[in-house]
Amino acid sequence: MSAPALQRTSGAVTGTGAEVVIEAVSKSYSGTQVLKDVSLTVAAGEVVTLIGPSGSGKSTLLRTVNHLETVDSGSVTVGGEYIGYALRGGALHELPEREVLRRRTKVGLVFQHFNLFPHLTAVENIAIAPVSLKRLSKAEAEERARALLARVGLEGHGDKFPRQLSGGQQQRVAIARALALEPEVLLFDEPTSALDPELVGEVLEVIREVAGDGTTLIIVTHEIGFAREVSDRIVFLDAGEIVEQGTPEQILSHPTQQRTRDFVSRVL
């Protein structure tokens, strides 16, 4: 599925999604294998949600996409490019950190616990990366930051510090920060699990809006109803393996694998 060009009335962000190819990825920690030969292709502009029990490898897989987790074997490319490696002479070679950071700007990540700088305002949190990477002047970056805050429903909150914002507002600032570098891929790692229940809806509404933009989205979530609504495809993982994948209707209403049926029966 091709990604349409993004049309922004705010002028805050323009761009298209990129294809993500995860090929035969394995990963172990202290002798425990958490990913087992996982292969998954996410088309440009597609919204894919990873579901599964705790410890199934969802977040680890997500973090391999932007090279926050290295892999023991296999490979990951975004838009045909490795994030942490260069291919030379048929072998992958680790890139210097500076080059990894440059390539990583193609992939935005929204964390579970916001990770905002407490000493910076909302605008400053959003503007810091475009300025530090010399993409925009401070004035331009702050103008874009305010446009992004308006987009996520936080117009007028730009000069507040994180401690002055609710959890839902902080997570919306984090989403705006992820959008500031015009990523081709956005990763969401349990974006609502640290929120009080009454704040979950406001964050999911912003993700819904982003999902319609053509940016490639990979989402780890326990919000199964939301996954059904927003996903083009749902991927069920268990014990570090992809057990089953398909449309939301297929996976949540008519799963073919017993492990999937057992999980879905517990969460729906």
C-alpha atoms as a PDB file:
ATOM      1  CA  MET A   1       0.000   0.000   0.000  1.00  0.00           C
ATOM      2  CA  SER A   2       1.509   3.288  -1.032  1.00  0.00           C
ATOM      3  CA  ALA A   3       1.721   6.248   1.292  1.00  0.00           C
ATOM      4  CA  PRO A   4      -0.067   9.407   0.197  1.00  0.00           C
ATOM      5  CA  ALA A   5       1.696  12.711   0.604  1.00  0.00           C
ATOM      6  CA  LEU A   6       0.834  14.360   3.885  1.00  0.00           C
ATOM      7  CA  GLN A   7      -1.252  17.481   3.630  1.00  0.00           C
ATOM      8  CA  ARG A   8      -0.981  19.710   6.683  1.00  0.00           C
ATOM      9  CA  THR A   9      -3.212  22.685   7.143  1.00  0.00           C
ATOM     10  CA  SER A  10      -0.887  23.838   9.924  1.00  0.00           C
ATOM     11  CA  GLY A  11       2.190  23.598   7.733  1.00  0.00           C
ATOM     12  CA  ALA A  12       3.879  21.825  10.630  1.00  0.00           C
ATOM     13  CA  VAL A  13       4.980  18.618   8.930  1.00  0.00           C
ATOM     14  CA  THR A  14       5.121  17.188   5.434  1.00  0.00           C
ATOM     15  CA  GLY A  15       6.391  13.822   4.280  1.00  0.00           C
ATOM     16  CA  THR A  16       5.565  10.221   3.443  1.00  0.00           C
ATOM     17  CA  GLY A  17       5.988   6.906   5.149  1.00  0.00           C
ATOM     18  CA  ALA A  18       8.770   4.391   4.544  1.00  0.00           C
ATOM     19  CA  GLU A  19       8.756   0.616   4.260  1.00  0.00           C
ATOM     20  CA  VAL A  20      10.175  -1.293   7.233  1.00  0.00           C
ATOM     21  CA  VAL A  21      11.703  -4.711   6.573  1.00  0.00           C
ATOM     22  CA  ILE A  22      12.572  -6.929   9.539  1.00  0.00           C
ATOM     23  CA  GLU A  23      14.323 -10.057   8.323  1.00  0.00           C
ATOM     24  CA  ALA A  24      15.139 -13.138  10.426  1.00  0.00           C
ATOM     25  CA  VAL A  25      15.857 -11.106  13.575  1.00  0.00           C
ATOM     26  CA  SER A  26      16.932 -12.900  16.742  1.00  0.00           C
ATOM     27  CA  LYS A  27      17.867 -11.364  20.096  1.00  0.00           C
ATOM     28  CA  SER A  28      18.910 -12.816  23.448  1.00  0.00           C
ATOM     29  CA  TYR A  29      19.511 -11.355  26.905  1.00  0.00           C
ATOM     30  CA  SER A  30      21.705 -13.277  29.342  1.00  0.00           C
ATOM     31  CA  GLY A  31      21.077 -16.523  27.522  1.00  0.00           C
ATOM     32  CA  THR A  32      17.311 -16.036  27.216  1.00  0.00           C
ATOM     33  CA  GLN A  33      16.109 -15.677  23.640  1.00  0.00           C
ATOM     34  CA  VAL A  34      13.480 -12.937  23.405  1.00  0.00           C
ATOM     35  CA  LEU A  35      13.177 -12.796  19.601  1.00  0.00           C
ATOM     36  CA  LYS A  36      13.390 -15.945  17.490  1.00  0.00           C
ATOM     37  CA  ASP A  37      14.014 -15.525  13.777  1.00  0.00           C
ATOM     38  CA  VAL A  38      11.312 -12.839  13.384  1.00  0.00           C
ATOM     39  CA  SER A  39      10.520 -11.546   9.891  1.00  0.00           C
ATOM     40  CA  LEU A  40       7.979  -8.810   9.224  1.00  0.00           C
ATOM     41  CA  THR A  41       7.503  -6.295   6.426  1.00  0.00           C
ATOM     42  CA  VAL A  42       5.493  -3.129   7.089  1.00  0.00           C
ATOM     43  CA  ALA A  43       4.475  -1.323   3.913  1.00  0.00           C
ATOM     44  CA  ALA A  44       4.959   2.417   3.516  1.00  0.00           C
ATOM     45  CA  GLY A  45       2.017   4.167   5.147  1.00  0.00           C
ATOM     46  CA  GLU A  46       0.709   1.002   6.817  1.00  0.00           C
ATOM     47  CA  VAL A  47      -0.456   0.941  10.454  1.00  0.00           C
ATOM     48  CA  VAL A  48       0.638  -2.283  12.157  1.00  0.00           C
ATOM     49  CA  THR A  49      -0.106  -3.097  15.781  1.00  0.00           C
ATOM     50  CA  LEU A  50       1.885  -5.642  17.782  1.00  0.00           C
ATOM     51  CA  ILE A  51      -0.088  -7.465  20.461  1.00  0.00           C
ATOM     52  CA  GLY A  52       0.711 -10.331  22.778  1.00  0.00           C
ATOM     53  CA  PRO A  53       1.298 -11.205  26.427  1.00  0.00           C
ATOM     54  CA  SER A  54       3.900  -9.436  28.537  1.00  0.00           C
ATOM     55  CA  GLY A  55       7.370 -10.738  27.752  1.00  0.00           C
ATOM     56  CA  SER A  56       6.456 -11.825  24.227  1.00  0.00           C
ATOM     57  CA  GLY A  57       9.120  -9.599  22.630  1.00  0.00           C
ATOM     58  CA  LYS A  58       6.881  -6.808  21.299  1.00  0.00           C
ATOM     59  CA  SER A  59       8.802  -3.850  22.694  1.00  0.00           C
ATOM     60  CA  THR A  60      12.173  -5.411  21.914  1.00  0.00           C
ATOM     61  CA  LEU A  61      11.118  -5.923  18.296  1.00  0.00           C
ATOM     62  CA  LEU A  62       9.849  -2.356  18.101  1.00  0.00           C
ATOM     63  CA  ARG A  63      13.133  -0.964  19.391  1.00  0.00           C
ATOM     64  CA  THR A  64      15.182  -2.871  16.824  1.00  0.00           C
ATOM     65  CA  VAL A  65      13.565  -0.721  14.131  1.00  0.00           C
ATOM     66  CA  ASN A  66      15.453   2.405  15.220  1.00  0.00           C
ATOM     67  CA  HIS A  67      18.510   0.514  16.496  1.00  0.00           C
ATOM     68  CA  LEU A  68      17.861   1.228  20.174  1.00  0.00           C
ATOM     69  CA  GLU A  69      18.164  -2.550  20.421  1.00  0.00           C
ATOM     70  CA  THR A  70      20.887  -4.256  18.414  1.00  0.00           C
ATOM     71  CA  VAL A  71      20.182  -7.705  16.999  1.00  0.00           C
ATOM     72  CA  ASP A  72      22.180 -10.899  17.360  1.00  0.00           C
ATOM     73  CA  SER A  73      21.331 -11.970  13.825  1.00  0.00           C
ATOM     74  CA  GLY A  74      19.142 -10.805  10.990  1.00  0.00           C
ATOM     75  CA  SER A  75      18.628  -7.245   9.793  1.00  0.00           C
ATOM     76  CA  VAL A  76      16.250  -4.277   9.847  1.00  0.00           C
ATOM     77  CA  THR A  77      15.939  -1.620   7.146  1.00  0.00           C
ATOM     78  CA  VAL A  78      13.845   1.540   6.964  1.00  0.00           C
ATOM     79  CA  GLY A  79      13.195   2.817   3.477  1.00  0.00           C
ATOM     80  CA  GLY A  80      15.854   0.401   2.226  1.00  0.00           C
ATOM     81  CA  GLU A  81      18.512   1.786   4.605  1.00  0.00           C
ATOM     82  CA  TYR A  82      20.093   0.227   7.677  1.00  0.00           C
ATOM     83  CA  ILE A  83      19.940   2.503  10.742  1.00  0.00           C
ATOM     84  CA  GLY A  84      22.941   1.212  12.675  1.00  0.00           C
ATOM     85  CA  TYR A  85      25.022  -0.443   9.990  1.00  0.00           C
ATOM     86  CA  ALA A  86      26.543  -0.006   6.554  1.00  0.00           C
ATOM     87  CA  LEU A  87      26.715  -2.853   4.063  1.00  0.00           C
ATOM     88  CA  ARG A  88      30.252  -3.180   2.703  1.00  0.00           C
ATOM     89  CA  GLY A  89      31.706  -6.180   0.908  1.00  0.00           C
ATOM     90  CA  GLY A  90      28.647  -8.276   1.668  1.00  0.00           C
ATOM     91  CA  ALA A  91      28.959  -7.747   5.445  1.00  0.00           C
ATOM     92  CA  LEU A  92      27.321  -5.344   7.888  1.00  0.00           C
ATOM     93  CA  HIS A  93      29.641  -2.920   9.689  1.00  0.00           C
ATOM     94  CA  GLU A  94      28.640  -0.889  12.753  1.00  0.00           C
ATOM     95  CA  LEU A  95      28.324   2.820  12.017  1.00  0.00           C
ATOM     96  CA  PRO A  96      29.720   5.601  14.208  1.00  0.00           C
ATOM     97  CA  GLU A  97      27.183   6.923  16.726  1.00  0.00           C
ATOM     98  CA  ARG A  98      26.941  10.251  14.927  1.00  0.00           C
ATOM     99  CA  GLU A  99      25.811   8.525  11.723  1.00  0.00           C
ATOM    100  CA  VAL A 100      23.421   6.278  13.651  1.00  0.00           C
ATOM    101  CA  LEU A 101      21.800   9.378  15.156  1.00  0.00           C
ATOM    102  CA  ARG A 102      21.462  10.971  11.726  1.00  0.00           C
ATOM    103  CA  ARG A 103      19.768   7.921  10.280  1.00  0.00           C
ATOM    104  CA  ARG A 104      17.612   7.454  13.376  1.00  0.00           C
ATOM    105  CA  THR A 105      15.865  10.768  12.688  1.00  0.00           C
ATOM    106  CA  LYS A 106      13.835   8.906  10.050  1.00  0.00           C
ATOM    107  CA  VAL A 107      12.180   6.949  12.870  1.00  0.00           C
ATOM    108  CA  GLY A 108      10.292   8.672  15.695  1.00  0.00           C
ATOM    109  CA  LEU A 109       9.661   6.847  18.963  1.00  0.00           C
ATOM    110  CA  VAL A 110       7.034   7.679  21.568  1.00  0.00           C
ATOM    111  CA  PHE A 111       7.918   6.050  24.874  1.00  0.00           C
ATOM    112  CA  GLN A 112       5.679   4.683  27.583  1.00  0.00           C
ATOM    113  CA  HIS A 113       6.882   7.218  30.168  1.00  0.00           C
ATOM    114  CA  PHE A 114       7.056  10.412  28.037  1.00  0.00           C
ATOM    115  CA  ASN A 115      10.801  11.059  28.628  1.00  0.00           C
ATOM    116  CA  LEU A 116      10.381  14.840  28.448  1.00  0.00           C
ATOM    117  CA  PHE A 117      13.150  17.090  29.752  1.00  0.00           C
ATOM    118  CA  PRO A 118      11.727  18.444  33.043  1.00  0.00           C
ATOM    119  CA  HIS A 119      13.707  21.704  32.870  1.00  0.00           C
ATOM    120  CA  LEU A 120      12.416  22.616  29.393  1.00  0.00           C
ATOM    121  CA  THR A 121       9.009  23.957  28.401  1.00  0.00           C
ATOM    122  CA  ALA A 122       6.755  22.037  26.024  1.00  0.00           C
ATOM    123  CA  VAL A 123       7.922  24.186  23.105  1.00  0.00           C
ATOM    124  CA  GLU A 124      11.570  23.752  24.060  1.00  0.00           C
ATOM    125  CA  ASN A 125      11.165  19.965  24.365  1.00  0.00           C
ATOM    126  CA  ILE A 126       9.802  19.831  20.821  1.00  0.00           C
ATOM    127  CA  ALA A 127      12.249  22.338  19.299  1.00  0.00           C
ATOM    128  CA  ILE A 128      15.477  20.989  20.780  1.00  0.00           C
ATOM    129  CA  ALA A 129      16.126  18.207  18.245  1.00  0.00           C
ATOM    130  CA  PRO A 130      15.524  20.261  15.057  1.00  0.00           C
ATOM    131  CA  VAL A 131      17.837  22.960  16.435  1.00  0.00           C
ATOM    132  CA  SER A 132      20.579  20.618  17.677  1.00  0.00           C
ATOM    133  CA  LEU A 133      20.597  18.808  14.342  1.00  0.00           C
ATOM    134  CA  LYS A 134      20.886  22.196  12.591  1.00  0.00           C
ATOM    135  CA  ARG A 135      17.724  21.617  10.613  1.00  0.00           C
ATOM    136  CA  LEU A 136      16.035  24.814  11.758  1.00  0.00           C
ATOM    137  CA  SER A 137      16.891  28.033  13.520  1.00  0.00           C
ATOM    138  CA  LYS A 138      15.607  28.383  17.073  1.00  0.00           C
ATOM    139  CA  ALA A 139      12.847  30.741  15.941  1.00  0.00           C
ATOM    140  CA  GLU A 140      11.748  28.405  13.140  1.00  0.00           C
ATOM    141  CA  ALA A 141      11.838  25.372  15.408  1.00  0.00           C
ATOM    142  CA  GLU A 142       9.748  27.086  18.078  1.00  0.00           C
ATOM    143  CA  GLU A 143       7.226  28.224  15.468  1.00  0.00           C
ATOM    144  CA  ARG A 144       6.902  24.646  14.244  1.00  0.00           C
ATOM    145  CA  ALA A 145       6.669  23.408  17.838  1.00  0.00           C
ATOM    146  CA  ARG A 146       3.704  25.667  18.525  1.00  0.00           C
ATOM    147  CA  ALA A 147       2.013  24.466  15.322  1.00  0.00           C
ATOM    148  CA  LEU A 148       2.541  20.871  16.416  1.00  0.00           C
ATOM    149  CA  LEU A 149       1.168  21.604  19.887  1.00  0.00           C
ATOM    150  CA  ALA A 150      -1.952  23.027  18.262  1.00  0.00           C
ATOM    151  CA  ARG A 151      -2.213  19.897  16.169  1.00  0.00           C
ATOM    152  CA  VAL A 152      -2.226  17.655  19.248  1.00  0.00           C
ATOM    153  CA  GLY A 153      -4.753  19.864  21.038  1.00  0.00           C
ATOM    154  CA  LEU A 154      -2.350  21.781  23.266  1.00  0.00           C
ATOM    155  CA  GLU A 155      -2.432  25.272  21.793  1.00  0.00           C
ATOM    156  CA  GLY A 156      -1.603  27.753  24.544  1.00  0.00           C
ATOM    157  CA  HIS A 157       0.361  25.218  26.615  1.00  0.00           C
ATOM    158  CA  GLY A 158       3.726  25.784  24.957  1.00  0.00           C
ATOM    159  CA  ASP A 159       5.320  27.704  27.815  1.00  0.00           C
ATOM    160  CA  LYS A 160       4.389  25.181  30.496  1.00  0.00           C
ATOM    161  CA  PHE A 161       6.887  22.771  32.014  1.00  0.00           C
ATOM    162  CA  PRO A 162       6.122  19.021  32.136  1.00  0.00           C
ATOM    163  CA  ARG A 163       5.257  19.190  35.835  1.00  0.00           C
ATOM    164  CA  GLN A 164       2.472  21.642  34.970  1.00  0.00           C
ATOM    165  CA  LEU A 165       0.867  19.210  32.515  1.00  0.00           C
ATOM    166  CA  SER A 166      -1.242  16.116  33.072  1.00  0.00           C
ATOM    167  CA  GLY A 167       0.086  12.732  31.994  1.00  0.00           C
ATOM    168  CA  GLY A 168      -2.079  12.784  28.890  1.00  0.00           C
ATOM    169  CA  GLN A 169      -0.842  16.259  27.997  1.00  0.00           C
ATOM    170  CA  GLN A 170       2.778  15.200  28.519  1.00  0.00           C
ATOM    171  CA  GLN A 171       2.297  12.230  26.199  1.00  0.00           C
ATOM    172  CA  ARG A 172       0.771  14.502  23.555  1.00  0.00           C
ATOM    173  CA  VAL A 173       3.842  16.748  23.842  1.00  0.00           C
ATOM    174  CA  ALA A 174       5.972  13.624  23.352  1.00  0.00           C
ATOM    175  CA  ILE A 175       4.032  12.799  20.179  1.00  0.00           C
ATOM    176  CA  ALA A 176       4.535  16.360  18.914  1.00  0.00           C
ATOM    177  CA  ARG A 177       8.256  16.024  19.683  1.00  0.00           C
ATOM    178  CA  ALA A 178       8.416  12.793  17.676  1.00  0.00           C
ATOM    179  CA  LEU A 179       6.731  14.536  14.740  1.00  0.00           C
ATOM    180  CA  ALA A 180       9.083  17.529  14.811  1.00  0.00           C
ATOM    181  CA  LEU A 181      11.765  15.788  12.730  1.00  0.00           C
ATOM    182  CA  GLU A 182       9.263  14.738  10.061  1.00  0.00           C
ATOM    183  CA  PRO A 183       9.845  10.999  10.538  1.00  0.00           C
ATOM    184  CA  GLU A 184       8.969   8.476   7.877  1.00  0.00           C
ATOM    185  CA  VAL A 185       8.138   5.902  10.557  1.00  0.00           C
ATOM    186  CA  LEU A 186       6.596   6.414  13.997  1.00  0.00           C
ATOM    187  CA  LEU A 187       6.938   3.828  16.750  1.00  0.00           C
ATOM    188  CA  PHE A 188       4.629   3.821  19.768  1.00  0.00           C
ATOM    189  CA  ASP A 189       5.726   1.676  22.721  1.00  0.00           C
ATOM    190  CA  GLU A 190       2.711   1.222  25.024  1.00  0.00           C
ATOM    191  CA  PRO A 191       1.886   4.946  24.745  1.00  0.00           C
ATOM    192  CA  THR A 192      -1.054   4.815  27.174  1.00  0.00           C
ATOM    193  CA  SER A 193       0.047   2.270  29.783  1.00  0.00           C
ATOM    194  CA  ALA A 194       1.435   4.914  32.167  1.00  0.00           C
ATOM    195  CA  LEU A 195      -1.726   7.036  32.026  1.00  0.00           C
ATOM    196  CA  ASP A 196      -4.722   7.181  34.304  1.00  0.00           C
ATOM    197  CA  PRO A 197      -7.714   5.562  32.549  1.00  0.00           C
ATOM    198  CA  GLU A 198      -9.532   8.866  32.045  1.00  0.00           C
ATOM    199  CA  LEU A 199      -6.536  10.269  30.110  1.00  0.00           C
ATOM    200  CA  VAL A 200      -6.101   7.370  27.683  1.00  0.00           C
ATOM    201  CA  GLY A 201      -8.717   8.569  25.210  1.00  0.00           C
ATOM    202  CA  GLU A 202      -7.092  11.923  24.508  1.00  0.00           C
ATOM    203  CA  VAL A 203      -3.801  10.273  23.547  1.00  0.00           C
ATOM    204  CA  LEU A 204      -5.440   7.605  21.398  1.00  0.00           C
ATOM    205  CA  GLU A 205      -7.342  10.323  19.538  1.00  0.00           C
ATOM    206  CA  VAL A 206      -4.061  12.000  18.571  1.00  0.00           C
ATOM    207  CA  ILE A 207      -2.614   8.672  17.389  1.00  0.00           C
ATOM    208  CA  ARG A 208      -5.776   8.104  15.329  1.00  0.00           C
ATOM    209  CA  GLU A 209      -5.192  11.447  13.602  1.00  0.00           C
ATOM    210  CA  VAL A 210      -1.535  10.652  12.924  1.00  0.00           C
ATOM    211  CA  ALA A 211      -2.507   7.219  11.582  1.00  0.00           C
ATOM    212  CA  GLY A 212      -4.459   8.882   8.792  1.00  0.00           C
ATOM    213  CA  ASP A 213      -1.499  10.926   7.562  1.00  0.00           C
ATOM    214  CA  GLY A 214       0.447   8.376   5.536  1.00  0.00           C
ATOM    215  CA  THR A 215       3.287   7.980   8.042  1.00  0.00           C
ATOM    216  CA  THR A 216       4.199   4.338   8.676  1.00  0.00           C
ATOM    217  CA  LEU A 217       3.112   3.409  12.212  1.00  0.00           C
ATOM    218  CA  ILE A 218       4.122   0.442  14.349  1.00  0.00           C
ATOM    219  CA  ILE A 219       2.272   0.366  17.663  1.00  0.00           C
ATOM    220  CA  VAL A 220       2.700  -1.832  20.729  1.00  0.00           C
ATOM    221  CA  THR A 221      -0.432  -1.620  22.840  1.00  0.00           C
ATOM    222  CA  HIS A 222      -2.762  -3.497  25.178  1.00  0.00           C
ATOM    223  CA  GLU A 223      -5.664  -1.313  24.019  1.00  0.00           C
ATOM    224  CA  ILE A 224      -7.253  -4.022  21.887  1.00  0.00           C
ATOM    225  CA  GLY A 225     -10.316  -2.011  20.925  1.00  0.00           C
ATOM    226  CA  PHE A 226      -8.069   0.762  19.668  1.00  0.00           C
ATOM    227  CA  ALA A 227      -5.921  -1.748  17.777  1.00  0.00           C
ATOM    228  CA  ARG A 228      -9.039  -3.060  16.036  1.00  0.00           C
ATOM    229  CA  GLU A 229     -10.071   0.444  15.011  1.00  0.00           C
ATOM    230  CA  VAL A 230      -6.773   1.950  13.834  1.00  0.00           C
ATOM    231  CA  SER A 231      -4.757  -0.970  12.417  1.00  0.00           C
ATOM    232  CA  ASP A 232      -4.396  -2.129   8.858  1.00  0.00           C
ATOM    233  CA  ARG A 233      -2.825  -5.274  10.266  1.00  0.00           C
ATOM    234  CA  ILE A 234      -2.424  -6.846  13.702  1.00  0.00           C
ATOM    235  CA  VAL A 235       0.549  -9.074  14.513  1.00  0.00           C
ATOM    236  CA  PHE A 236       0.291 -11.452  17.464  1.00  0.00           C
ATOM    237  CA  LEU A 237       3.568 -12.399  19.156  1.00  0.00           C
ATOM    238  CA  ASP A 238       4.171 -14.971  21.841  1.00  0.00           C
ATOM    239  CA  ALA A 239       7.468 -16.244  23.278  1.00  0.00           C
ATOM    240  CA  GLY A 240       9.492 -14.164  20.816  1.00  0.00           C
ATOM    241  CA  GLU A 241       7.766 -15.463  17.693  1.00  0.00           C
ATOM    242  CA  ILE A 242       5.122 -14.180  15.311  1.00  0.00           C
ATOM    243  CA  VAL A 243       2.302 -16.653  15.812  1.00  0.00           C
ATOM    244  CA  GLU A 244      -0.258 -15.080  13.507  1.00  0.00           C
ATOM    245  CA  GLN A 245      -0.962 -11.880  11.594  1.00  0.00           C
ATOM    246  CA  GLY A 246      -3.808 -10.490   9.554  1.00  0.00           C
ATOM    247  CA  THR A 247      -6.532  -7.876   9.478  1.00  0.00           C
ATOM    248  CA  PRO A 248      -8.085  -6.831  12.808  1.00  0.00           C
ATOM    249  CA  GLU A 249     -11.175  -8.876  11.911  1.00  0.00           C
ATOM    250  CA  GLN A 250      -9.099 -11.974  11.204  1.00  0.00           C
ATOM    251  CA  ILE A 251      -6.933 -11.793  14.328  1.00  0.00           C
ATOM    252  CA  LEU A 252      -9.482 -10.580  16.863  1.00  0.00           C
ATOM    253  CA  SER A 253     -12.637 -12.317  15.606  1.00  0.00           C
ATOM    254  CA  HIS A 254     -11.408 -15.362  13.674  1.00  0.00           C
ATOM    255  CA  PRO A 255      -7.894 -16.333  14.798  1.00  0.00           C
ATOM    256  CA  THR A 256      -6.632 -19.631  13.414  1.00  0.00           C
ATOM    257  CA  GLN A 257      -3.965 -20.433  16.027  1.00  0.00           C
ATOM    258  CA  GLN A 258      -4.835 -21.720  19.484  1.00  0.00           C
ATOM    259  CA  ARG A 259      -2.305 -19.415  21.179  1.00  0.00           C
ATOM    260  CA  THR A 260      -3.971 -16.441  19.510  1.00  0.00           C
ATOM    261  CA  ARG A 261      -7.446 -17.645  20.467  1.00  0.00           C
ATOM    262  CA  ASP A 262      -6.378 -18.075  24.093  1.00  0.00           C
ATOM    263  CA  PHE A 263      -4.900 -14.569  24.249  1.00  0.00           C
ATOM    264  CA  VAL A 264      -7.822 -12.873  22.511  1.00  0.00           C
ATOM    265  CA  SER A 265     -10.326 -14.631  24.800  1.00  0.00           C
ATOM    266  CA  ARG A 266      -8.531 -13.146  27.815  1.00  0.00           C
ATOM    267  CA  VAL A 267      -8.320  -9.550  26.579  1.00  0.00           C
ATOM    268  CA  LEU A 268     -11.654  -9.041  24.843  1.00  0.00           C
END
